[in-house]
Amino acid sequence: MSETRHIPVLGREAVALLAPCEGGIYVDATFGAGGYTRAILAVAGTRVIGIDRDRTAIAGGFDLVDRSAGRLTLVEDRFSRLAEVCAVEGVDAVDGVVMDVGVSSMQLDQAARGFSFRLDGPLDMRMSGEGPTAADVIAKASEAELADIFYIFGEERHSRAVARAIVAARREAPITTTRVLADLVARVVRGKPGDIHPATRTFQGLRIFVNEELDELHLALAAAERVLKPGGRLAVVSFHSLEDRIVKDFFNARAKSGGGSRHLPELTQTAPSFRLLTKRPVTASEQEVTANPRARSAKLRGAERTEAAPHAADRLPSWPRLSDVMRGG
């Protein structure tokens, strides 16, 4: 892997927040092109467990594994399973976890992956290459399900009109390419000059749904809480409001005690499991945004694990799920 191939957004700030120390064990939960991992390995004696569900990313990291002298292990898996991955590697507790949530620029730039409306390719969008594709969802989901997917995960205000247009179009011919879907959405969602592409939110919602990204994030945060040792740090970079809200709410809930009240003092108080390191999210500098426009929306949040036991896992939100849609309701 080329050392200059990819620089992660807010990479310097995220690693500084992680504060890797000699001899520490760290999880790069979204390995990608290995930017965070290289920075962590630059600290003598560190060990990194890198996780990515994208087989291409894992294969791209083999050179770094070879050069790490046994300090890097790469695992193809979902980052929600980071606790299980650590257990398999014989690691009970780690000194830090870093996550870069969402689709990577490498995935967006490959037309064959079908993530981007800028490049014509098959309507795929799968990070792992397994399971139903975006085209399968477009073909199978009902009009109401499509509208929910675009509204909840893409925050598309015109979700019903887009869903209606898709259902009408697929009666005439299958929708199997990014260009066909983008053009279809652009006829329904009218943008003003200077606005984002009309299909941006539809593609975002579909991609998040296909990869179950928000469920994955909920589960990954809870998994990190379980594997971090006292004083261990969690740093998360997110790129849109849905992700950032989940991270913010998770940290805020676990940085305060709860469970009792002055009216019912006998209830057991839940001790804070994290101490906030970022009261407000860290954002990219003007220089970084100029060099990489994707950094404009990035937000970094971090927290340090306390000695308290992990909190009970939160219930996942009751939003549409891939398994329900693909089995027909």
C-alpha atoms as a PDB file:
ATOM      1  CA  MET A   1       0.000   0.000   0.000  1.00  0.00           C
ATOM      2  CA  SER A   2       1.334   3.413  -0.905  1.00  0.00           C
ATOM      3  CA  GLU A   3       2.085   5.635   2.046  1.00  0.00           C
ATOM      4  CA  THR A   4       0.494   8.589   0.216  1.00  0.00           C
ATOM      5  CA  ARG A   5      -2.556   6.747  -1.055  1.00  0.00           C
ATOM      6  CA  HIS A   6      -5.008   7.990   1.497  1.00  0.00           C
ATOM      7  CA  ILE A   7      -4.989  10.409   4.411  1.00  0.00           C
ATOM      8  CA  PRO A   8      -8.022   9.963   6.689  1.00  0.00           C
ATOM      9  CA  VAL A   9     -10.205  12.976   7.393  1.00  0.00           C
ATOM     10  CA  LEU A  10      -9.290  14.507  10.761  1.00  0.00           C
ATOM     11  CA  GLY A  11      -6.646  11.791  10.972  1.00  0.00           C
ATOM     12  CA  ARG A  12      -4.101  13.825  12.928  1.00  0.00           C
ATOM     13  CA  GLU A  13      -6.742  15.032  15.385  1.00  0.00           C
ATOM     14  CA  ALA A  14      -8.284  11.577  15.843  1.00  0.00           C
ATOM     15  CA  VAL A  15      -4.945   9.925  16.588  1.00  0.00           C
ATOM     16  CA  ALA A  16      -3.992  12.771  18.948  1.00  0.00           C
ATOM     17  CA  LEU A  17      -7.258  12.155  20.794  1.00  0.00           C
ATOM     18  CA  LEU A  18      -6.498   8.438  20.913  1.00  0.00           C
ATOM     19  CA  ALA A  19      -3.031   9.253  22.364  1.00  0.00           C
ATOM     20  CA  PRO A  20      -1.390   5.912  21.506  1.00  0.00           C
ATOM     21  CA  CYS A  21       1.353   4.898  23.922  1.00  0.00           C
ATOM     22  CA  GLU A  22       4.229   2.446  23.719  1.00  0.00           C
ATOM     23  CA  GLY A  23       3.066  -1.118  24.216  1.00  0.00           C
ATOM     24  CA  GLY A  24      -0.621  -0.272  23.817  1.00  0.00           C
ATOM     25  CA  ILE A  25      -3.167  -2.379  21.924  1.00  0.00           C
ATOM     26  CA  TYR A  26      -5.554  -0.541  19.610  1.00  0.00           C
ATOM     27  CA  VAL A  27      -8.472  -1.356  17.335  1.00  0.00           C
ATOM     28  CA  ASP A  28      -8.808   0.433  14.005  1.00  0.00           C
ATOM     29  CA  ALA A  29     -12.442  -0.566  13.595  1.00  0.00           C
ATOM     30  CA  THR A  30     -12.734   0.782  10.036  1.00  0.00           C
ATOM     31  CA  PHE A  31      -9.316   0.021   8.551  1.00  0.00           C
ATOM     32  CA  GLY A  32      -9.982   1.381   5.039  1.00  0.00           C
ATOM     33  CA  ALA A  33      -6.623   2.424   3.584  1.00  0.00           C
ATOM     34  CA  GLY A  34      -4.883   2.128   6.945  1.00  0.00           C
ATOM     35  CA  GLY A  35      -4.309   5.796   7.675  1.00  0.00           C
ATOM     36  CA  TYR A  36      -5.078   5.606  11.382  1.00  0.00           C
ATOM     37  CA  THR A  37      -3.238   2.310  11.705  1.00  0.00           C
ATOM     38  CA  ARG A  38      -0.007   3.685  10.215  1.00  0.00           C
ATOM     39  CA  ALA A  39      -0.103   6.617  12.648  1.00  0.00           C
ATOM     40  CA  ILE A  40      -0.642   4.282  15.619  1.00  0.00           C
ATOM     41  CA  LEU A  41       2.099   1.896  14.515  1.00  0.00           C
ATOM     42  CA  ALA A  42       4.483   4.854  14.315  1.00  0.00           C
ATOM     43  CA  VAL A  43       4.502   4.713  18.129  1.00  0.00           C
ATOM     44  CA  ALA A  44       7.022   2.094  19.218  1.00  0.00           C
ATOM     45  CA  GLY A  45       5.655  -1.191  20.511  1.00  0.00           C
ATOM     46  CA  THR A  46       2.021  -0.588  19.679  1.00  0.00           C
ATOM     47  CA  ARG A  47      -0.187  -3.357  18.326  1.00  0.00           C
ATOM     48  CA  VAL A  48      -3.199  -2.812  16.070  1.00  0.00           C
ATOM     49  CA  ILE A  49      -6.158  -5.031  15.237  1.00  0.00           C
ATOM     50  CA  GLY A  50      -7.595  -3.642  11.994  1.00  0.00           C
ATOM     51  CA  ILE A  51     -11.157  -4.528  10.995  1.00  0.00           C
ATOM     52  CA  ASP A  52     -12.966  -3.920   7.714  1.00  0.00           C
ATOM     53  CA  ARG A  53     -15.933  -5.620   6.102  1.00  0.00           C
ATOM     54  CA  ASP A  54     -14.561  -4.668   2.669  1.00  0.00           C
ATOM     55  CA  ARG A  55     -12.329  -7.451   1.354  1.00  0.00           C
ATOM     56  CA  THR A  56     -10.604  -5.006  -1.001  1.00  0.00           C
ATOM     57  CA  ALA A  57      -9.495  -2.879   1.952  1.00  0.00           C
ATOM     58  CA  ILE A  58      -8.129  -5.920   3.781  1.00  0.00           C
ATOM     59  CA  ALA A  59      -6.205  -7.054   0.701  1.00  0.00           C
ATOM     60  CA  GLY A  60      -4.823  -3.556   0.280  1.00  0.00           C
ATOM     61  CA  GLY A  61      -3.384  -3.707   3.797  1.00  0.00           C
ATOM     62  CA  PHE A  62      -1.300  -6.854   3.352  1.00  0.00           C
ATOM     63  CA  ASP A  63       1.883  -4.880   2.614  1.00  0.00           C
ATOM     64  CA  LEU A  64       1.417  -2.953   5.861  1.00  0.00           C
ATOM     65  CA  VAL A  65       0.980  -6.240   7.715  1.00  0.00           C
ATOM     66  CA  ASP A  66       4.258  -7.479   6.243  1.00  0.00           C
ATOM     67  CA  ARG A  67       6.064  -4.292   7.293  1.00  0.00           C
ATOM     68  CA  SER A  68       4.600  -4.225  10.783  1.00  0.00           C
ATOM     69  CA  ALA A  69       6.781  -7.034  12.141  1.00  0.00           C
ATOM     70  CA  GLY A  70       3.821  -8.808  13.690  1.00  0.00           C
ATOM     71  CA  ARG A  71       2.239  -5.724  15.230  1.00  0.00           C
ATOM     72  CA  LEU A  72      -0.743  -5.555  12.832  1.00  0.00           C
ATOM     73  CA  THR A  73      -3.520  -8.089  12.451  1.00  0.00           C
ATOM     74  CA  LEU A  74      -6.199  -7.538   9.796  1.00  0.00           C
ATOM     75  CA  VAL A  75      -9.634  -9.132  10.094  1.00  0.00           C
ATOM     76  CA  GLU A  76     -12.425  -9.101   7.528  1.00  0.00           C
ATOM     77  CA  ASP A  77     -15.552  -8.510   9.595  1.00  0.00           C
ATOM     78  CA  ARG A  78     -18.152  -5.928  10.582  1.00  0.00           C
ATOM     79  CA  PHE A  79     -16.992  -3.365  13.106  1.00  0.00           C
ATOM     80  CA  SER A  80     -20.028  -4.124  15.248  1.00  0.00           C
ATOM     81  CA  ARG A  81     -18.259  -7.401  16.049  1.00  0.00           C
ATOM     82  CA  LEU A  82     -15.066  -5.786  17.314  1.00  0.00           C
ATOM     83  CA  ALA A  83     -15.414  -7.352  20.757  1.00  0.00           C
ATOM     84  CA  GLU A  84     -15.689 -10.847  19.237  1.00  0.00           C
ATOM     85  CA  VAL A  85     -12.751 -10.110  16.918  1.00  0.00           C
ATOM     86  CA  CYS A  86     -10.605  -9.071  19.889  1.00  0.00           C
ATOM     87  CA  ALA A  87     -11.586 -12.225  21.777  1.00  0.00           C
ATOM     88  CA  VAL A  88     -10.565 -14.434  18.848  1.00  0.00           C
ATOM     89  CA  GLU A  89      -7.213 -12.621  18.781  1.00  0.00           C
ATOM     90  CA  GLY A  90      -6.754 -13.362  22.476  1.00  0.00           C
ATOM     91  CA  VAL A  91      -7.233  -9.745  23.559  1.00  0.00           C
ATOM     92  CA  ASP A  92      -9.497  -9.081  26.562  1.00  0.00           C
ATOM     93  CA  ALA A  93      -9.065  -5.324  26.803  1.00  0.00           C
ATOM     94  CA  VAL A  94      -7.621  -2.595  24.576  1.00  0.00           C
ATOM     95  CA  ASP A  95      -6.136   0.863  25.067  1.00  0.00           C
ATOM     96  CA  GLY A  96      -8.050   2.568  22.280  1.00  0.00           C
ATOM     97  CA  VAL A  97     -10.579   2.230  19.465  1.00  0.00           C
ATOM     98  CA  VAL A  98     -10.843   4.528  16.458  1.00  0.00           C
ATOM     99  CA  MET A  99     -13.717   4.557  13.949  1.00  0.00           C
ATOM    100  CA  ASP A 100     -14.265   6.441  10.690  1.00  0.00           C
ATOM    101  CA  VAL A 101     -17.960   5.907  10.029  1.00  0.00           C
ATOM    102  CA  GLY A 102     -19.585   5.599   6.618  1.00  0.00           C
ATOM    103  CA  VAL A 103     -18.458   5.010   3.049  1.00  0.00           C
ATOM    104  CA  SER A 104     -14.815   5.616   2.147  1.00  0.00           C
ATOM    105  CA  SER A 105     -13.536   7.804  -0.671  1.00  0.00           C
ATOM    106  CA  MET A 106     -11.951   4.692  -2.194  1.00  0.00           C
ATOM    107  CA  GLN A 107     -15.348   3.017  -2.406  1.00  0.00           C
ATOM    108  CA  LEU A 108     -16.986   6.139  -3.823  1.00  0.00           C
ATOM    109  CA  ASP A 109     -14.319   6.428  -6.507  1.00  0.00           C
ATOM    110  CA  GLN A 110     -14.837   2.897  -7.860  1.00  0.00           C
ATOM    111  CA  ALA A 111     -17.678   2.919 -10.394  1.00  0.00           C
ATOM    112  CA  ALA A 112     -18.088  -0.856 -10.172  1.00  0.00           C
ATOM    113  CA  ARG A 113     -19.017  -0.589  -6.485  1.00  0.00           C
ATOM    114  CA  GLY A 114     -22.112   1.452  -7.350  1.00  0.00           C
ATOM    115  CA  PHE A 115     -21.918   3.934  -4.464  1.00  0.00           C
ATOM    116  CA  SER A 116     -21.796   7.177  -6.420  1.00  0.00           C
ATOM    117  CA  PHE A 117     -24.234   8.936  -8.725  1.00  0.00           C
ATOM    118  CA  ARG A 118     -21.203  10.684 -10.284  1.00  0.00           C
ATOM    119  CA  LEU A 119     -19.990   7.452 -11.879  1.00  0.00           C
ATOM    120  CA  ASP A 120     -22.177   5.114 -13.897  1.00  0.00           C
ATOM    121  CA  GLY A 121     -22.007   1.569 -12.614  1.00  0.00           C
ATOM    122  CA  PRO A 122     -24.094  -1.307 -11.300  1.00  0.00           C
ATOM    123  CA  LEU A 123     -26.453  -0.313  -8.502  1.00  0.00           C
ATOM    124  CA  ASP A 124     -24.624  -2.345  -5.860  1.00  0.00           C
ATOM    125  CA  MET A 125     -23.508  -0.272  -2.790  1.00  0.00           C
ATOM    126  CA  ARG A 126     -22.515  -3.269  -0.673  1.00  0.00           C
ATOM    127  CA  MET A 127     -19.442  -2.635   1.470  1.00  0.00           C
ATOM    128  CA  SER A 128     -18.846  -6.346   1.990  1.00  0.00           C
ATOM    129  CA  GLY A 129     -19.871  -7.608  -1.435  1.00  0.00           C
ATOM    130  CA  GLU A 130     -22.342  -9.970   0.231  1.00  0.00           C
ATOM    131  CA  GLY A 131     -26.122  -9.911   0.648  1.00  0.00           C
ATOM    132  CA  PRO A 132     -28.777  -7.958  -1.261  1.00  0.00           C
ATOM    133  CA  THR A 133     -27.646  -5.117  -3.505  1.00  0.00           C
ATOM    134  CA  ALA A 134     -29.180  -1.659  -3.760  1.00  0.00           C
ATOM    135  CA  ALA A 135     -30.770  -2.813  -7.025  1.00  0.00           C
ATOM    136  CA  ASP A 136     -32.389  -5.710  -5.145  1.00  0.00           C
ATOM    137  CA  VAL A 137     -33.866  -3.274  -2.615  1.00  0.00           C
ATOM    138  CA  ILE A 138     -35.128  -0.955  -5.366  1.00  0.00           C
ATOM    139  CA  ALA A 139     -36.776  -3.941  -7.063  1.00  0.00           C
ATOM    140  CA  LYS A 140     -38.255  -5.544  -3.951  1.00  0.00           C
ATOM    141  CA  ALA A 141     -39.251  -2.815  -1.492  1.00  0.00           C
ATOM    142  CA  SER A 142     -42.776  -1.423  -1.515  1.00  0.00           C
ATOM    143  CA  GLU A 143     -43.443   2.227  -2.244  1.00  0.00           C
ATOM    144  CA  ALA A 144     -44.017   2.902   1.464  1.00  0.00           C
ATOM    145  CA  GLU A 145     -40.799   1.091   2.428  1.00  0.00           C
ATOM    146  CA  LEU A 146     -38.770   3.014  -0.142  1.00  0.00           C
ATOM    147  CA  ALA A 147     -40.213   6.307   1.098  1.00  0.00           C
ATOM    148  CA  ASP A 148     -39.262   5.399   4.690  1.00  0.00           C
ATOM    149  CA  ILE A 149     -35.726   4.404   3.638  1.00  0.00           C
ATOM    150  CA  PHE A 150     -35.117   7.687   1.818  1.00  0.00           C
ATOM    151  CA  TYR A 151     -36.724   9.815   4.536  1.00  0.00           C
ATOM    152  CA  ILE A 152     -35.211   8.154   7.621  1.00  0.00           C
ATOM    153  CA  PHE A 153     -31.727   7.341   6.353  1.00  0.00           C
ATOM    154  CA  GLY A 154     -31.338   9.956   3.636  1.00  0.00           C
ATOM    155  CA  GLU A 155     -33.364  12.758   5.244  1.00  0.00           C
ATOM    156  CA  GLU A 156     -34.927  13.304   1.832  1.00  0.00           C
ATOM    157  CA  ARG A 157     -37.948  15.615   2.137  1.00  0.00           C
ATOM    158  CA  HIS A 158     -39.313  14.451  -1.214  1.00  0.00           C
ATOM    159  CA  SER A 159     -39.070  10.773  -0.276  1.00  0.00           C
ATOM    160  CA  ARG A 160     -42.662   9.901  -1.206  1.00  0.00           C
ATOM    161  CA  ALA A 161     -42.365  11.443  -4.655  1.00  0.00           C
ATOM    162  CA  VAL A 162     -39.057   9.655  -5.264  1.00  0.00           C
ATOM    163  CA  ALA A 163     -40.511   6.317  -4.120  1.00  0.00           C
ATOM    164  CA  ARG A 164     -43.582   6.818  -6.322  1.00  0.00           C
ATOM    165  CA  ALA A 165     -41.401   7.543  -9.348  1.00  0.00           C
ATOM    166  CA  ILE A 166     -39.232   4.480  -8.715  1.00  0.00           C
ATOM    167  CA  VAL A 167     -42.210   2.146  -8.439  1.00  0.00           C
ATOM    168  CA  ALA A 168     -43.664   3.532 -11.666  1.00  0.00           C
ATOM    169  CA  ALA A 169     -40.345   3.243 -13.503  1.00  0.00           C
ATOM    170  CA  ARG A 170     -39.581  -0.310 -12.385  1.00  0.00           C
ATOM    171  CA  ARG A 171     -42.881  -1.490 -13.885  1.00  0.00           C
ATOM    172  CA  GLU A 172     -41.410  -0.569 -17.262  1.00  0.00           C
ATOM    173  CA  ALA A 173     -37.851  -1.839 -16.730  1.00  0.00           C
ATOM    174  CA  PRO A 174     -35.557  -2.899 -13.863  1.00  0.00           C
ATOM    175  CA  ILE A 175     -33.478  -0.115 -12.297  1.00  0.00           C
ATOM    176  CA  THR A 176     -29.995  -1.606 -12.212  1.00  0.00           C
ATOM    177  CA  THR A 177     -27.476   1.221 -12.664  1.00  0.00           C
ATOM    178  CA  THR A 178     -26.496   4.309 -10.712  1.00  0.00           C
ATOM    179  CA  ARG A 179     -27.040   6.562 -13.712  1.00  0.00           C
ATOM    180  CA  VAL A 180     -30.610   5.397 -14.278  1.00  0.00           C
ATOM    181  CA  LEU A 181     -31.513   5.912 -10.619  1.00  0.00           C
ATOM    182  CA  ALA A 182     -29.775   9.305 -10.394  1.00  0.00           C
ATOM    183  CA  ASP A 183     -31.494  10.581 -13.533  1.00  0.00           C
ATOM    184  CA  LEU A 184     -34.845   9.330 -12.270  1.00  0.00           C
ATOM    185  CA  VAL A 185     -34.446  11.128  -8.941  1.00  0.00           C
ATOM    186  CA  ALA A 186     -33.240  14.306 -10.663  1.00  0.00           C
ATOM    187  CA  ARG A 187     -36.542  14.468 -12.563  1.00  0.00           C
ATOM    188  CA  VAL A 188     -38.436  14.427  -9.269  1.00  0.00           C
ATOM    189  CA  VAL A 189     -36.231  16.450  -6.921  1.00  0.00           C
ATOM    190  CA  ARG A 190     -35.555  19.886  -8.352  1.00  0.00           C
ATOM    191  CA  GLY A 191     -32.387  21.494  -7.082  1.00  0.00           C
ATOM    192  CA  LYS A 192     -31.275  25.091  -7.217  1.00  0.00           C
ATOM    193  CA  PRO A 193     -27.935  26.181  -8.676  1.00  0.00           C
ATOM    194  CA  GLY A 194     -25.244  25.529  -6.085  1.00  0.00           C
ATOM    195  CA  ASP A 195     -27.284  22.888  -4.259  1.00  0.00           C
ATOM    196  CA  ILE A 196     -26.089  19.318  -3.757  1.00  0.00           C
ATOM    197  CA  HIS A 197     -26.988  16.867  -6.529  1.00  0.00           C
ATOM    198  CA  PRO A 198     -30.726  16.022  -6.366  1.00  0.00           C
ATOM    199  CA  ALA A 199     -29.932  12.321  -5.886  1.00  0.00           C
ATOM    200  CA  THR A 200     -27.523  12.827  -2.961  1.00  0.00           C
ATOM    201  CA  ARG A 201     -29.983  12.074  -0.176  1.00  0.00           C
ATOM    202  CA  THR A 202     -31.643   9.180  -1.986  1.00  0.00           C
ATOM    203  CA  PHE A 203     -28.278   7.505  -2.581  1.00  0.00           C
ATOM    204  CA  GLN A 204     -27.242   8.142   1.024  1.00  0.00           C
ATOM    205  CA  GLY A 205     -30.417   6.602   2.393  1.00  0.00           C
ATOM    206  CA  LEU A 206     -30.179   3.574   0.133  1.00  0.00           C
ATOM    207  CA  ARG A 207     -26.496   2.997   0.944  1.00  0.00           C
ATOM    208  CA  ILE A 208     -27.026   3.277   4.701  1.00  0.00           C
ATOM    209  CA  PHE A 209     -29.969   0.890   4.483  1.00  0.00           C
ATOM    210  CA  VAL A 210     -28.195  -1.717   2.340  1.00  0.00           C
ATOM    211  CA  ASN A 211     -25.210  -1.809   4.700  1.00  0.00           C
ATOM    212  CA  GLU A 212     -27.251  -1.426   7.917  1.00  0.00           C
ATOM    213  CA  GLU A 213     -24.792   1.308   8.833  1.00  0.00           C
ATOM    214  CA  LEU A 214     -26.659   2.925  11.714  1.00  0.00           C
ATOM    215  CA  ASP A 215     -27.396  -0.372  13.448  1.00  0.00           C
ATOM    216  CA  GLU A 216     -23.723  -1.240  12.962  1.00  0.00           C
ATOM    217  CA  LEU A 217     -22.693   2.044  14.582  1.00  0.00           C
ATOM    218  CA  HIS A 218     -24.976   1.530  17.596  1.00  0.00           C
ATOM    219  CA  LEU A 219     -23.568  -1.962  18.122  1.00  0.00           C
ATOM    220  CA  ALA A 220     -19.943  -0.932  17.520  1.00  0.00           C
ATOM    221  CA  LEU A 221     -20.075   1.832  20.123  1.00  0.00           C
ATOM    222  CA  ALA A 222     -21.437  -0.593  22.714  1.00  0.00           C
ATOM    223  CA  ALA A 223     -18.790  -3.149  21.754  1.00  0.00           C
ATOM    224  CA  ALA A 224     -16.027  -0.570  22.183  1.00  0.00           C
ATOM    225  CA  GLU A 225     -17.387   0.249  25.635  1.00  0.00           C
ATOM    226  CA  ARG A 226     -17.023  -3.427  26.586  1.00  0.00           C
ATOM    227  CA  VAL A 227     -13.445  -3.906  25.361  1.00  0.00           C
ATOM    228  CA  LEU A 228     -11.836  -0.617  26.426  1.00  0.00           C
ATOM    229  CA  LYS A 229      -9.821  -0.803  29.622  1.00  0.00           C
ATOM    230  CA  PRO A 230     -10.063   2.002  32.213  1.00  0.00           C
ATOM    231  CA  GLY A 231      -8.300   5.010  30.695  1.00  0.00           C
ATOM    232  CA  GLY A 232      -8.745   3.593  27.191  1.00  0.00           C
ATOM    233  CA  ARG A 233     -10.006   6.010  24.583  1.00  0.00           C
ATOM    234  CA  LEU A 234     -12.639   5.924  21.847  1.00  0.00           C
ATOM    235  CA  ALA A 235     -12.408   8.340  18.895  1.00  0.00           C
ATOM    236  CA  VAL A 236     -15.159   8.480  16.266  1.00  0.00           C
ATOM    237  CA  VAL A 237     -15.241  10.475  13.019  1.00  0.00           C
ATOM    238  CA  SER A 238     -18.668  10.782  11.381  1.00  0.00           C
ATOM    239  CA  PHE A 239     -19.831  12.527   8.236  1.00  0.00           C
ATOM    240  CA  HIS A 240     -23.501  13.339   8.554  1.00  0.00           C
ATOM    241  CA  SER A 241     -26.002  14.320  11.181  1.00  0.00           C
ATOM    242  CA  LEU A 242     -27.559  10.869  11.656  1.00  0.00           C
ATOM    243  CA  GLU A 243     -24.224   9.308  12.579  1.00  0.00           C
ATOM    244  CA  ASP A 244     -23.059  12.235  14.684  1.00  0.00           C
ATOM    245  CA  ARG A 245     -26.317  12.258  16.647  1.00  0.00           C
ATOM    246  CA  ILE A 246     -25.876   8.572  17.521  1.00  0.00           C
ATOM    247  CA  VAL A 247     -22.291   9.144  18.691  1.00  0.00           C
ATOM    248  CA  LYS A 248     -23.202  12.290  20.629  1.00  0.00           C
ATOM    249  CA  ASP A 249     -26.149  10.628  22.370  1.00  0.00           C
ATOM    250  CA  PHE A 250     -24.075   7.542  23.217  1.00  0.00           C
ATOM    251  CA  PHE A 251     -21.271   9.556  24.791  1.00  0.00           C
ATOM    252  CA  ASN A 252     -23.608  11.917  26.646  1.00  0.00           C
ATOM    253  CA  ALA A 253     -25.677   9.053  28.074  1.00  0.00           C
ATOM    254  CA  ARG A 254     -22.598   7.230  29.322  1.00  0.00           C
ATOM    255  CA  ALA A 255     -20.794  10.281  30.656  1.00  0.00           C
ATOM    256  CA  LYS A 256     -23.468  10.928  33.252  1.00  0.00           C
ATOM    257  CA  SER A 257     -24.855   8.801  36.054  1.00  0.00           C
ATOM    258  CA  GLY A 258     -28.437   7.647  35.951  1.00  0.00           C
ATOM    259  CA  GLY A 259     -30.985   5.185  37.225  1.00  0.00           C
ATOM    260  CA  GLY A 260     -32.038   6.877  40.453  1.00  0.00           C
ATOM    261  CA  SER A 261     -33.736  10.128  41.427  1.00  0.00           C
ATOM    262  CA  ARG A 262     -34.397  12.269  44.478  1.00  0.00           C
ATOM    263  CA  HIS A 263     -37.910  10.790  44.554  1.00  0.00           C
ATOM    264  CA  LEU A 264     -36.674   7.193  44.379  1.00  0.00           C
ATOM    265  CA  PRO A 265     -33.199   7.338  45.928  1.00  0.00           C
ATOM    266  CA  GLU A 266     -33.137   3.609  46.550  1.00  0.00           C
ATOM    267  CA  LEU A 267     -32.714   2.930  42.827  1.00  0.00           C
ATOM    268  CA  THR A 268     -29.136   2.065  41.928  1.00  0.00           C
ATOM    269  CA  GLN A 269     -27.281   4.859  40.194  1.00  0.00           C
ATOM    270  CA  THR A 270     -25.426   3.835  37.032  1.00  0.00           C
ATOM    271  CA  ALA A 271     -21.895   5.173  37.240  1.00  0.00           C
ATOM    272  CA  PRO A 272     -20.530   7.012  34.166  1.00  0.00           C
ATOM    273  CA  SER A 273     -18.638   4.617  31.905  1.00  0.00           C
ATOM    274  CA  PHE A 274     -16.991   7.393  29.878  1.00  0.00           C
ATOM    275  CA  ARG A 275     -15.473  10.815  30.472  1.00  0.00           C
ATOM    276  CA  LEU A 276     -15.968  13.211  27.581  1.00  0.00           C
ATOM    277  CA  LEU A 277     -12.822  14.422  25.827  1.00  0.00           C
ATOM    278  CA  THR A 278     -14.727  16.638  23.386  1.00  0.00           C
ATOM    279  CA  LYS A 279     -17.513  18.829  24.744  1.00  0.00           C
ATOM    280  CA  ARG A 280     -18.115  19.894  21.162  1.00  0.00           C
ATOM    281  CA  PRO A 281     -17.095  17.996  18.029  1.00  0.00           C
ATOM    282  CA  VAL A 282     -13.726  18.705  16.443  1.00  0.00           C
ATOM    283  CA  THR A 283     -14.096  19.839  12.821  1.00  0.00           C
ATOM    284  CA  ALA A 284     -11.666  20.106   9.930  1.00  0.00           C
ATOM    285  CA  SER A 285      -9.499  23.155   9.369  1.00  0.00           C
ATOM    286  CA  GLU A 286      -9.996  25.363   6.323  1.00  0.00           C
ATOM    287  CA  GLN A 287      -6.741  23.983   4.972  1.00  0.00           C
ATOM    288  CA  GLU A 288      -7.978  20.385   5.196  1.00  0.00           C
ATOM    289  CA  VAL A 289     -11.349  21.244   3.660  1.00  0.00           C
ATOM    290  CA  THR A 290      -9.584  22.935   0.754  1.00  0.00           C
ATOM    291  CA  ALA A 291      -7.438  19.855   0.216  1.00  0.00           C
ATOM    292  CA  ASN A 292     -10.348  17.434   0.728  1.00  0.00           C
ATOM    293  CA  PRO A 293     -13.894  18.867   0.384  1.00  0.00           C
ATOM    294  CA  ARG A 294     -15.317  15.684   1.996  1.00  0.00           C
ATOM    295  CA  ALA A 295     -13.819  16.902   5.280  1.00  0.00           C
ATOM    296  CA  ARG A 296     -16.296  19.785   5.423  1.00  0.00           C
ATOM    297  CA  SER A 297     -19.010  17.687   7.070  1.00  0.00           C
ATOM    298  CA  ALA A 298     -16.711  15.596   9.301  1.00  0.00           C
ATOM    299  CA  LYS A 299     -17.075  15.653  13.079  1.00  0.00           C
ATOM    300  CA  LEU A 300     -14.765  14.016  15.586  1.00  0.00           C
ATOM    301  CA  ARG A 301     -15.898  13.074  19.078  1.00  0.00           C
ATOM    302  CA  GLY A 302     -13.960  11.241  21.750  1.00  0.00           C
ATOM    303  CA  ALA A 303     -14.247   9.919  25.288  1.00  0.00           C
ATOM    304  CA  GLU A 304     -12.134   8.094  27.841  1.00  0.00           C
ATOM    305  CA  ARG A 305     -13.274   4.923  29.563  1.00  0.00           C
ATOM    306  CA  THR A 306     -13.771   5.052  33.319  1.00  0.00           C
ATOM    307  CA  GLU A 307     -13.504   2.156  35.758  1.00  0.00           C
ATOM    308  CA  ALA A 308     -17.290   1.706  35.847  1.00  0.00           C
ATOM    309  CA  ALA A 309     -18.954  -1.344  34.357  1.00  0.00           C
ATOM    310  CA  PRO A 310     -20.382  -1.022  30.842  1.00  0.00           C
ATOM    311  CA  HIS A 311     -23.931   0.273  30.708  1.00  0.00           C
ATOM    312  CA  ALA A 312     -26.719  -2.002  29.549  1.00  0.00           C
ATOM    313  CA  ALA A 313     -26.886  -2.076  25.754  1.00  0.00           C
ATOM    314  CA  ASP A 314     -29.445   0.278  24.265  1.00  0.00           C
ATOM    315  CA  ARG A 315     -32.296  -1.132  22.215  1.00  0.00           C
ATOM    316  CA  LEU A 316     -31.882  -0.540  18.505  1.00  0.00           C
ATOM    317  CA  PRO A 317     -34.320   1.983  16.996  1.00  0.00           C
ATOM    318  CA  SER A 318     -37.424   0.607  15.283  1.00  0.00           C
ATOM    319  CA  TRP A 319     -36.598   1.737  11.752  1.00  0.00           C
ATOM    320  CA  PRO A 320     -36.783  -0.241   8.479  1.00  0.00           C
ATOM    321  CA  ARG A 321     -34.396  -3.175   8.216  1.00  0.00           C
ATOM    322  CA  LEU A 322     -32.950  -4.993   5.242  1.00  0.00           C
ATOM    323  CA  SER A 323     -34.068  -8.445   6.348  1.00  0.00           C
ATOM    324  CA  ASP A 324     -37.690  -7.347   6.696  1.00  0.00           C
ATOM    325  CA  VAL A 325     -37.800  -5.674   3.290  1.00  0.00           C
ATOM    326  CA  MET A 326     -36.115  -8.532   1.444  1.00  0.00           C
ATOM    327  CA  ARG A 327     -38.476 -11.142   2.831  1.00  0.00           C
ATOM    328  CA  GLY A 328     -41.420  -9.036   1.790  1.00  0.00           C
ATOM    329  CA  GLY A 329     -42.482  -7.129   4.906  1.00  0.00           C
END
